[in-house]
Amino acid sequence: MRSDRPSDHIDNEAPADDSVSQPKLGFVGYLRFFWRQLTSMRTALFLLLLLALAAIPGSLVPQTTSDPNGVLQFQQRDPETFKVLDSLGLFSTFESPWFSAIYLLLFISLVGCIIPRTKYHFDAMRARPPKTPARLERLVGFTTAPTGADAGLAIDEAAKLLKRQGYRTERYGGSTGSTSESVSAERGYLRETGNLVFHTALVGMLLVVGVGGGFGYTGQRILVQGEAFTNVRASYDSFAHGRFYTESALEPYSMRLDDFEASYESDVTTGSLVWHPKDFTASLSTRTPGGDWTPAALKINAPITIGGTDVYLLGNGYAPVITVRDAGGEVVYSGAVPFLQLNANLASRGVVKVPDGLSQQIALFGFFYPDPVPLTNGMYDSFSPTDHGKSLLSLNVYAGDLGLDTGAPVNAYTLDTSALTQIAGPDADASSLQLNEGDVVDLPDGLGTVEYEGLKRYVSVDIHHDITATWALVFALLILGGLLVSLFVPRRRVWVKAVGGRLEYAGLARGEDPTLAAAVADLARRHREALGDPEPQAETEPRMDA
C-alpha cells in the first residue's frame, strides 16, 4: 500500500488472486488465429521458399513421369539407396503427398492474402483523396511562394496540372468562412494493383501446373530407320500421364525416321583420342490423317510439333538387321534390332528374343561395335562412333523359357538370364558368335543360323503433350509485369494550398520515394509558370523524409 494515496484508493486494494488471467480463445478463436497466420504474407513467402526447396529432388534423381528408364537403371545400380528414396517418394517428387501438401498450403495462403487486400484496394481507389493537412511545412519538399492570382483560380489551375500528371484530385475549402483553399491529389495505386496482379498470377501459375498438368502425357519411343510410328498408346516404349488423361488426348498422326546424320570432332585428352558430337540431324517424315508425308528435321534443342505434341531428340544409335533361320532354312525372325549405347563411341548392347520357330526358345544377347578394335583381354571396344563398313556383332546365345507366355510385361531391351542356359558364350562349350556385316554363322546344337544382314540407324525421341505451355507463359509474363510495376511505381500524395496571398506545396510518399522532393519542386515551378508568377523560393530546406 502506498502511503501517499488515500486508504480507499483502488490501487491500494489487494487483488483477490495474484495470477494473471488470460482470455480463452476457444475452438473458433484458434481457427481464426491459425487462419490469420496461414494467410499472412510472411507465411506465403516461407511456403514459396519451401516449395522451391522441395522441388530440388525432382532435378537430382530421375522421375517416373519423365524418365522411367532412368528410374529402372538407378534401381539396378543401387538397389539399397533406391528403396530409401522410393519410400520417401523422391522418384515421383511432384506427385508425393508432402509436395502436394506444401503446394496446397501455398495456394490457400495466397488466396487468403489476395481476397481481403483486393477489397481494401478497391475501397481505397473509390475513396476521396485525404483532406489537406493544416501544416504542410512538416511534409516532404515543402515550398511556398507569394502569388497575385485569385486563390480559386490558382487552385483550379493546380488541379488541372495535377490531373494531367495522372493524379486523382479533390478540392477542399473555398466555402463561407474558410481562410484557405487547397487541392489534394494522390496517385500510385497502380503499385498495389501490380502487387495484386503478381500474387494473382502466381495463384494462376499454381493452378496451371497443378491442374492443367494432369491432362498431359509424355512417352518415349525408339524410331528405327524406315519404320513408322503411330501415335497410339501401344506404340510407346514407355508412357506416363496425368491424373485427368484420357485416350482422346492422343491425336492421330504418324512419324517415320528416313535418315540420320551425325558429325563428330576429335581431340587428344590424357594421351587418348576422344570423340565429341558436333551435330545430330534426324530426317523425319510426318503425316496426319488424310494428308501426305511431310519432311521434317529434328535436332537437339529443336523439337518438332505435330498432333498437339512436341517431339524431342534424346539419343541415337545403331540397329543391326538380324535374321534367324531354323535348321531347314526358314526365317523365324528378321528385323532391325536397336542396340543401346554403352559409351560415347557407341559400343552398344542389345537383345534378340526368338520365342517361336525353333526347337526351343532362344535369346541372343550381345554387343555391337561400329568401329571395332581388340583389347588386350580378348574383348573389343569401338575406336570411334562412326561405322566404316567393318562393324562387329558379338552374340551370346541362351536357351530356355523366355517368360513371354505369362502375359506379364517384359522389357524388350533387357534379358533375365536366371531361367536360361547359355549355349554359346564364355560360360558355354561353344564360343560367342562373331559376325561382320553380311556374315552367316551356325547356332549351337543344330538349331539353325543367324545372319547379320545390314545396319540401320535409330533415334530415341521424347513425345510430350502439355496443354499448359501457353497459359504458363501468360501467367509468367503477368508475374514479371506485376512485380516490375509494384517495384517501380511510386505511391505519393501532393497538396497545393492557397492561403493569405501565398501558395504552399508539399508531398508525402508511402514507402521510399527519393524523387518526391524534386517532383514537388517541379510541380511548383510549372504551376507558377501557368499563373505567370515569378519563380518561387523555398522558405525551408526540402525534407527528404515524411
Foldseek 3Di string as FASTA:
>chain_A
DDPVDDCPDPVNDDDPDPDDDDDDQPPVNVVVVVLVVLQDPVNLVVLVVVLVVLCVLPVVAAACQFCVVSLVVVCVVDVVVSVVCVVVVSNHSCPDPVSVVSLVSSLSNLVSNLVVLVVVLVVVVPDAFDDDDPDQVVFFQKFKFFDPDDQVVLQVLLVVVVVVVPWHKDKDDPDPPGQWIKIKTWDQSLLVVLVSLLSVLVSVLSCCVVPQQQAKKKFKAKAWAPDKAWQAPVRGLGIDHHPPYDRVLRATKMKHFHAKDWDWDWDADPRAIDIDTDWIWTWMWMGHPPGDTDIDIATAVDWDDDSQKTKHFDWKAKWFWKWWAFLVRHTQDTDTWDFDADDQQRWGWFKDWRCDDWPFTKMKTWIKEQAWDADPVRDIHHSHNHHPQWIKIWIWMKTDDQPPPPPDDDNRGDGDCPGIDTCEDPPHPHHIDMDGAQDKDADPPRGGIMHRHGMTMMTMMMMIRGPSPVVSVVSVVSNVSSVVSNVPRWIKMKMWMDGDRMIIIHMATDPADQCRSVVRQVSQQVSCVVSVHDRTDGPDDGDRHD
